[in-house]
Amino acid sequence: MAHGYSKTSFWLFLLFAFLIGSALTYWIVANELPFVQAGTSSGQDNSAPPCDYNITRVKGYEFVGPLLSAEPDCASQKFAPFKSDLTKLVDSLKGVGAITNASVYLRDLDFGQWFSFNESERYHPASLMKVALLLSSLRVAESSPGLLTQKLIYEPPPSGEISTQYYNFPTIQVGKEYTVHDLLYFMVANSDNHATWMLASRLDPGHTPKLFFDLGLPKPIEDKVAFTMTPKEVSILFTAIFNSSYLSPEYSDYAARLLSHCAFKGGFGKGFPKNTKMWHKFGEWRYADHDYELHESGIVYVGNRPYLITVMTKGSDTDRQAESIAAISKAIHKMLVEKGGKREVGSLPRSAKEAMDP
């Protein structure tokens, strides 16, 4: 009897403890005790007012919604003091005629905290659209084994179809043979319009509009003057690669490695310390009776901590715009280091396709 009484008491004690624990947990959550809200290890600023999270998912699927991004609806107070410094810098660049306007989008990819400057201004994405073509092409390659090694001979398009560029890097040559991988490399590393035309002419024209729909971006249109994007919208293309939300991790890493060979060194390359790890793309736009535009966007590792940075500019002198992007980048780097951006979080993983890089 004594043994049975002891066993019954034991289970009654467990039940009682469970009920007390549940009640205490409910009371803590309901009353939002300070130690529940403490989040210094997660990078949250507890002095800031509450902010809802914006969850963005890739569209185009019937039963699943791959996560594209999760970030606060409001800009982080962590970066608030930087806005005053950036305003003074941009105003000074305007004052000396280096630019007529500039916008910045910055996001801490570890914690989702973000900051934007002059975020409503719209720009012509120009060669940043090559990142969209890269994503669309690799989406096809995922379901087409051997596509990246397929060989093609470059034949020039009808006269006038290849637009000229201010910054010129090595391009593919007429009559020579290239793999699709080679073409992708020339397109994003050297911003080669010849390789871009060759890839675009062989891709179903519906793929890129579908990409924009899937990522929740405005539908691209043929009118190069009318079609514009904000820095945050441009940044979504890079978010999709970093989060592997549109391509598999293997192909996303492959895309990032191609972008890490960017030949343009005049913006981020001068603004961040030498040998800073980054993968990025620049874009230039010129049209009669309009401001010149020069932009740069990508992921930059400050102490191996990843930040998504997009800087877009308007002006009348492309070289001075490049210098302005470098100046803004330098200011961003200084601010991130002061905010603790040197925390080590590991290095960029190696890719199975790395051996294919030129």
Protein backbone atom coordinates (compact mmCIF):
# COMPACT_ATOMS: atom_id res chain seq x y z
CA MET A 1 0.00 0.00 0.00
CA ALA A 2 2.74 2.39 0.97
CA HIS A 3 4.45 1.83 -2.38
CA GLY A 4 1.22 2.56 -4.28
CA TYR A 5 0.59 5.71 -2.28
CA SER A 6 4.12 6.92 -3.00
CA LYS A 7 3.73 6.33 -6.76
CA THR A 8 0.42 8.20 -6.83
CA SER A 9 1.92 11.12 -4.95
CA PHE A 10 4.81 11.26 -7.41
CA TRP A 11 2.53 11.64 -10.44
CA LEU A 12 0.34 14.16 -8.63
CA PHE A 13 3.48 16.18 -7.88
CA LEU A 14 4.54 16.11 -11.55
CA LEU A 15 1.07 17.24 -12.65
CA PHE A 16 1.10 20.05 -10.09
CA ALA A 17 4.56 21.18 -11.21
CA PHE A 18 3.51 21.18 -14.86
CA LEU A 19 0.43 23.29 -14.11
CA ILE A 20 2.45 25.78 -12.08
CA GLY A 21 5.09 26.00 -14.83
CA SER A 22 2.46 26.57 -17.53
CA ALA A 23 0.76 29.28 -15.48
CA LEU A 24 4.07 31.04 -14.81
CA THR A 25 5.04 30.92 -18.52
CA TYR A 26 1.68 32.38 -19.54
CA TRP A 27 2.01 35.16 -16.95
CA ILE A 28 5.52 36.04 -18.12
CA VAL A 29 4.52 36.25 -21.80
CA ALA A 30 1.27 38.10 -21.09
CA ASN A 31 3.03 40.71 -18.99
CA GLU A 32 6.09 40.99 -21.29
CA LEU A 33 8.66 40.91 -18.53
CA PRO A 34 11.94 42.68 -19.35
CA PHE A 35 14.01 39.50 -19.41
CA VAL A 36 11.74 38.03 -22.06
CA GLN A 37 12.27 41.11 -24.21
CA ALA A 38 16.04 41.16 -23.78
CA GLY A 39 17.61 40.48 -27.15
CA THR A 40 21.07 41.88 -27.17
CA SER A 41 22.48 38.59 -28.45
CA SER A 42 20.20 38.73 -31.46
CA GLY A 43 21.16 42.27 -32.41
CA GLN A 44 17.79 43.79 -31.44
CA ASP A 45 17.60 47.36 -30.09
CA ASN A 46 15.31 47.16 -27.06
CA SER A 47 15.14 50.95 -26.64
CA ALA A 48 13.33 51.25 -29.95
CA PRO A 49 9.51 51.04 -30.22
CA PRO A 50 8.06 47.66 -31.24
CA CYS A 51 8.26 46.93 -34.94
CA ASP A 52 6.40 44.24 -36.88
CA TYR A 53 8.26 41.93 -39.23
CA ASN A 54 7.64 41.86 -42.95
CA ILE A 55 7.77 38.30 -44.28
CA THR A 56 8.29 38.04 -48.05
CA ARG A 57 7.89 34.72 -49.84
CA VAL A 58 8.63 33.64 -53.40
CA LYS A 59 5.46 33.36 -55.45
CA GLY A 60 4.69 30.98 -58.28
CA TYR A 61 4.19 27.77 -56.28
CA GLU A 62 0.90 26.04 -55.56
CA PHE A 63 1.60 24.40 -52.22
CA VAL A 64 4.74 26.04 -50.78
CA GLY A 65 6.08 29.56 -50.25
CA PRO A 66 9.89 29.64 -50.06
CA LEU A 67 11.09 32.37 -47.70
CA LEU A 68 12.69 35.29 -49.55
CA SER A 69 13.30 37.58 -46.60
CA ALA A 70 12.17 38.45 -43.09
CA GLU A 71 12.95 41.94 -41.88
CA PRO A 72 11.44 44.59 -39.59
CA ASP A 73 8.94 46.97 -41.18
CA CYS A 74 10.82 49.92 -39.72
CA ALA A 75 14.43 50.94 -40.14
CA SER A 76 16.77 49.99 -37.31
CA GLN A 77 17.56 52.59 -34.67
CA LYS A 78 21.05 51.12 -34.68
CA PHE A 79 21.77 52.99 -37.92
CA ALA A 80 19.79 56.16 -37.11
CA PRO A 81 22.83 58.32 -36.17
CA PHE A 82 24.43 57.46 -39.52
CA LYS A 83 21.61 59.17 -41.43
CA SER A 84 22.80 62.61 -40.37
CA ASP A 85 26.39 61.85 -41.42
CA LEU A 86 25.26 60.42 -44.76
CA THR A 87 23.04 63.44 -45.42
CA LYS A 88 26.03 65.77 -44.90
CA LEU A 89 28.21 63.62 -47.17
CA VAL A 90 25.66 63.49 -50.00
CA ASP A 91 24.99 67.22 -49.70
CA SER A 92 28.73 67.89 -49.97
CA LEU A 93 28.99 65.67 -53.05
CA LYS A 94 26.10 67.56 -54.59
CA GLY A 95 27.72 70.84 -53.64
CA VAL A 96 30.89 70.11 -55.62
CA GLY A 97 28.91 68.80 -58.60
CA ALA A 98 29.97 65.17 -58.24
CA ILE A 99 26.34 63.97 -58.21
CA THR A 100 22.85 65.42 -58.48
CA ASN A 101 21.22 62.74 -56.34
CA ALA A 102 21.97 59.50 -54.49
CA SER A 103 20.15 56.75 -52.60
CA VAL A 104 21.38 54.02 -50.28
CA TYR A 105 19.93 50.76 -48.97
CA LEU A 106 21.83 48.80 -46.31
CA ARG A 107 20.81 45.56 -44.64
CA ASP A 108 22.53 43.43 -42.00
CA LEU A 109 21.96 39.93 -43.38
CA ASP A 110 22.66 38.26 -40.04
CA PHE A 111 19.86 40.01 -38.16
CA GLY A 112 17.68 41.62 -40.84
CA GLN A 113 18.18 45.16 -39.54
CA TRP A 114 18.16 47.72 -42.33
CA PHE A 115 18.63 51.37 -43.17
CA SER A 116 17.71 53.43 -46.22
CA PHE A 117 18.47 56.93 -47.43
CA ASN A 118 16.38 58.76 -50.04
CA GLU A 119 14.54 55.46 -50.51
CA SER A 120 11.66 56.71 -52.67
CA GLU A 121 13.91 57.94 -55.52
CA ARG A 122 13.69 55.73 -58.61
CA TYR A 123 16.53 54.89 -60.99
CA HIS A 124 17.09 53.03 -64.23
CA PRO A 125 18.59 49.66 -63.19
CA ALA A 126 20.71 49.45 -66.35
CA SER A 127 23.21 46.58 -66.13
CA LEU A 128 21.93 45.55 -62.70
CA MET A 129 19.26 43.82 -64.79
CA LYS A 130 21.98 41.37 -65.79
CA VAL A 131 21.61 39.88 -62.31
CA ALA A 132 17.98 39.16 -63.19
CA LEU A 133 19.09 37.48 -66.42
CA LEU A 134 21.66 35.48 -64.44
CA LEU A 135 18.93 34.22 -62.09
CA SER A 136 16.59 33.37 -64.97
CA SER A 137 19.33 31.55 -66.89
CA LEU A 138 20.40 29.49 -63.89
CA ARG A 139 16.77 28.62 -63.16
CA VAL A 140 16.69 27.00 -66.60
CA ALA A 141 20.10 25.38 -66.05
CA GLU A 142 18.85 23.67 -62.89
CA SER A 143 16.42 21.60 -64.94
CA SER A 144 18.66 21.27 -67.99
CA PRO A 145 21.71 19.10 -67.19
CA GLY A 146 24.73 20.04 -69.26
CA LEU A 147 23.44 23.49 -70.19
CA LEU A 148 26.35 25.33 -68.56
CA THR A 149 28.88 23.39 -70.65
CA GLN A 150 26.94 23.75 -73.92
CA LYS A 151 29.14 25.44 -76.56
CA LEU A 152 28.02 28.26 -78.82
CA ILE A 153 29.75 30.32 -81.51
CA TYR A 154 29.23 34.05 -81.22
CA GLU A 155 27.66 35.62 -84.27
CA PRO A 156 26.99 39.36 -84.02
CA PRO A 157 23.39 40.61 -83.84
CA PRO A 158 21.86 43.03 -86.35
CA SER A 159 23.55 46.40 -86.39
CA GLY A 160 22.69 48.67 -83.51
CA GLU A 161 21.39 46.04 -81.09
CA ILE A 162 24.42 46.18 -78.81
CA SER A 163 24.50 49.39 -76.78
CA THR A 164 27.82 51.05 -76.08
CA GLN A 165 29.26 51.34 -72.57
CA TYR A 166 31.34 53.89 -70.70
CA TYR A 167 33.32 51.30 -68.77
CA ASN A 168 34.79 48.71 -71.09
CA PHE A 169 36.22 45.34 -70.07
CA PRO A 170 37.15 42.25 -72.16
CA THR A 171 34.25 40.97 -74.26
CA ILE A 172 33.49 37.85 -76.26
CA GLN A 173 34.74 37.87 -79.84
CA VAL A 174 32.91 37.21 -83.10
CA GLY A 175 33.43 33.72 -84.49
CA LYS A 176 34.82 32.26 -81.26
CA GLU A 177 33.27 29.42 -79.29
CA TYR A 178 32.03 29.88 -75.71
CA THR A 179 30.22 27.73 -73.18
CA VAL A 180 27.10 29.07 -71.50
CA HIS A 181 29.21 29.31 -68.34
CA ASP A 182 31.68 31.54 -70.22
CA LEU A 183 28.83 33.77 -71.39
CA LEU A 184 27.44 34.09 -67.86
CA TYR A 185 30.91 34.99 -66.60
CA PHE A 186 31.46 37.68 -69.25
CA MET A 187 27.95 39.06 -68.61
CA VAL A 188 28.21 39.57 -64.83
CA ALA A 189 31.97 39.88 -64.28
CA ASN A 190 32.71 42.18 -67.23
CA SER A 191 29.18 43.47 -67.83
CA ASP A 192 29.63 42.39 -71.47
CA ASN A 193 26.63 43.45 -73.56
CA HIS A 194 27.59 41.01 -76.33
CA ALA A 195 27.42 38.01 -73.97
CA THR A 196 24.20 39.44 -72.52
CA TRP A 197 22.59 39.65 -75.95
CA MET A 198 23.64 36.10 -76.76
CA LEU A 199 22.14 34.74 -73.54
CA ALA A 200 18.96 36.83 -73.72
CA SER A 201 18.31 35.87 -77.35
CA ARG A 202 18.27 32.18 -76.37
CA LEU A 203 16.14 32.50 -73.23
CA ASP A 204 12.36 32.30 -73.29
CA PRO A 205 11.31 35.98 -72.97
CA GLY A 206 8.76 35.00 -70.35
CA HIS A 207 11.36 33.88 -67.81
CA THR A 208 12.50 37.29 -66.57
CA PRO A 209 8.97 38.73 -66.14
CA LYS A 210 8.12 35.57 -64.18
CA LEU A 211 11.19 36.12 -62.02
CA PHE A 212 10.02 39.64 -61.19
CA PHE A 213 6.53 38.36 -60.39
CA ASP A 214 7.87 35.56 -58.21
CA LEU A 215 10.02 38.03 -56.24
CA GLY A 216 7.23 40.60 -55.91
CA LEU A 217 8.99 43.18 -58.09
CA PRO A 218 7.35 45.56 -60.60
CA LYS A 219 6.90 44.02 -64.03
CA PRO A 220 9.83 44.94 -66.31
CA ILE A 221 8.91 46.78 -69.50
CA GLU A 222 10.72 47.30 -72.79
CA ASP A 223 10.84 51.09 -72.43
CA LYS A 224 14.33 51.70 -71.03
CA VAL A 225 13.43 55.27 -70.03
CA ALA A 226 10.15 54.47 -68.30
CA PHE A 227 11.31 51.39 -66.39
CA THR A 228 12.79 52.30 -63.02
CA MET A 229 13.46 50.64 -59.66
CA THR A 230 14.21 51.76 -56.12
CA PRO A 231 17.41 50.67 -54.34
CA LYS A 232 15.40 48.29 -52.14
CA GLU A 233 13.79 46.67 -55.18
CA VAL A 234 17.20 46.16 -56.80
CA SER A 235 18.46 44.66 -53.54
CA ILE A 236 15.81 41.93 -53.67
CA LEU A 237 17.68 40.29 -56.57
CA PHE A 238 20.75 39.91 -54.36
CA THR A 239 18.64 38.78 -51.40
CA ALA A 240 17.25 35.96 -53.53
CA ILE A 241 20.79 34.76 -54.27
CA PHE A 242 22.09 35.08 -50.70
CA ASN A 243 19.07 33.31 -49.17
CA SER A 244 18.97 30.63 -51.92
CA SER A 245 15.25 31.30 -52.15
CA TYR A 246 14.97 31.24 -55.96
CA LEU A 247 17.74 28.82 -56.89
CA SER A 248 19.16 25.82 -55.07
CA PRO A 249 22.01 26.55 -52.62
CA GLU A 250 24.49 25.11 -55.13
CA TYR A 251 23.36 27.35 -57.99
CA SER A 252 22.96 30.36 -55.69
CA ASP A 253 26.56 29.92 -54.55
CA TYR A 254 27.60 29.58 -58.20
CA ALA A 255 25.83 32.86 -59.03
CA ALA A 256 27.54 34.63 -56.12
CA ARG A 257 30.95 33.34 -57.19
CA LEU A 258 30.44 34.64 -60.72
CA LEU A 259 29.53 38.04 -59.26
CA SER A 260 32.61 37.96 -57.03
CA HIS A 261 34.72 38.42 -60.21
CA CYS A 262 33.24 41.87 -60.95
CA ALA A 263 35.81 43.83 -62.98
CA PHE A 264 34.55 47.24 -61.85
CA LYS A 265 36.81 48.50 -59.05
CA GLY A 266 35.86 52.16 -58.93
CA GLY A 267 33.06 52.12 -56.33
CA PHE A 268 32.94 49.48 -53.60
CA GLY A 269 36.45 48.42 -54.59
CA LYS A 270 37.86 51.80 -53.55
CA GLY A 271 35.50 52.52 -50.68
CA PHE A 272 36.14 49.31 -48.75
CA PRO A 273 39.60 48.15 -47.63
CA LYS A 274 41.70 46.20 -50.11
CA ASN A 275 40.88 42.48 -50.29
CA THR A 276 37.46 42.95 -48.70
CA LYS A 277 35.39 39.91 -49.66
CA MET A 278 32.37 40.87 -51.76
CA TRP A 279 30.21 39.85 -54.69
CA HIS A 280 28.57 42.68 -56.54
CA LYS A 281 27.44 44.24 -59.82
CA PHE A 282 27.55 47.76 -61.19
CA GLY A 283 25.23 49.40 -63.69
CA GLU A 284 25.60 52.51 -65.84
CA TRP A 285 22.83 54.32 -67.74
CA ARG A 286 23.02 57.14 -70.26
CA TYR A 287 20.28 58.73 -72.30
CA ALA A 288 20.04 62.06 -74.11
CA ASP A 289 18.74 64.96 -72.00
CA HIS A 290 18.81 62.85 -68.83
CA ASP A 291 21.21 62.64 -65.92
CA TYR A 292 23.83 59.93 -66.17
CA GLU A 293 23.31 57.14 -63.68
CA LEU A 294 25.83 54.86 -62.01
CA HIS A 295 24.93 52.23 -59.43
CA GLU A 296 26.49 49.40 -57.47
CA SER A 297 24.85 46.67 -55.44
CA GLY A 298 25.97 43.48 -53.73
CA ILE A 299 26.98 41.68 -50.57
CA VAL A 300 30.04 42.98 -48.73
CA TYR A 301 31.65 41.12 -45.82
CA VAL A 302 32.85 43.40 -43.04
CA GLY A 303 34.87 41.12 -40.79
CA ASN A 304 33.10 38.22 -42.56
CA ARG A 305 29.73 39.54 -41.48
CA PRO A 306 27.51 39.95 -44.59
CA TYR A 307 25.83 43.24 -45.46
CA LEU A 308 23.66 43.92 -48.49
CA ILE A 309 24.50 47.36 -49.84
CA THR A 310 23.00 49.23 -52.78
CA VAL A 311 24.15 52.71 -53.81
CA MET A 312 22.45 54.44 -56.75
CA THR A 313 23.48 57.83 -58.15
CA LYS A 314 22.58 60.46 -60.73
CA GLY A 315 24.91 63.09 -62.13
CA SER A 316 26.71 64.48 -65.16
CA ASP A 317 30.14 62.86 -64.79
CA THR A 318 30.35 59.07 -64.53
CA ASP A 319 33.87 59.05 -63.09
CA ARG A 320 32.89 61.46 -60.34
CA GLN A 321 29.82 59.35 -59.63
CA ALA A 322 32.13 56.35 -59.18
CA GLU A 323 34.20 58.42 -56.76
CA SER A 324 31.00 59.33 -54.93
CA ILE A 325 30.00 55.68 -54.57
CA ALA A 326 33.49 55.02 -53.17
CA ALA A 327 33.11 57.90 -50.68
CA ILE A 328 29.70 56.65 -49.55
CA SER A 329 31.07 53.10 -49.28
CA LYS A 330 33.97 54.31 -47.16
CA ALA A 331 31.55 56.06 -44.82
CA ILE A 332 29.41 52.90 -44.59
CA HIS A 333 32.46 50.80 -43.76
CA LYS A 334 33.56 53.21 -41.02
CA MET A 335 30.07 53.16 -39.51
CA LEU A 336 29.81 49.35 -39.61
CA VAL A 337 33.18 48.88 -37.95
CA GLU A 338 32.16 51.32 -35.22
CA LYS A 339 28.89 49.40 -34.78
CA GLY A 340 30.72 46.12 -34.29
CA GLY A 341 30.77 44.80 -37.83
CA LYS A 342 34.04 42.94 -37.25
CA ARG A 343 32.36 40.00 -35.50
CA GLU A 344 33.54 36.79 -37.17
CA VAL A 345 30.78 34.52 -38.46
CA GLY A 346 32.68 32.18 -40.77
CA SER A 347 33.72 32.37 -44.40
CA LEU A 348 31.89 32.01 -47.70
CA PRO A 349 31.37 28.30 -48.45
CA ARG A 350 33.19 26.74 -51.38
CA SER A 351 31.18 25.80 -54.46
CA ALA A 352 31.03 22.54 -56.34
CA LYS A 353 31.22 24.58 -59.53
CA GLU A 354 34.23 26.64 -58.48
CA ALA A 355 36.45 24.60 -60.77
CA MET A 356 34.50 25.97 -63.74
CA ASP A 357 35.49 29.58 -63.00
CA PRO A 358 37.96 31.01 -65.53
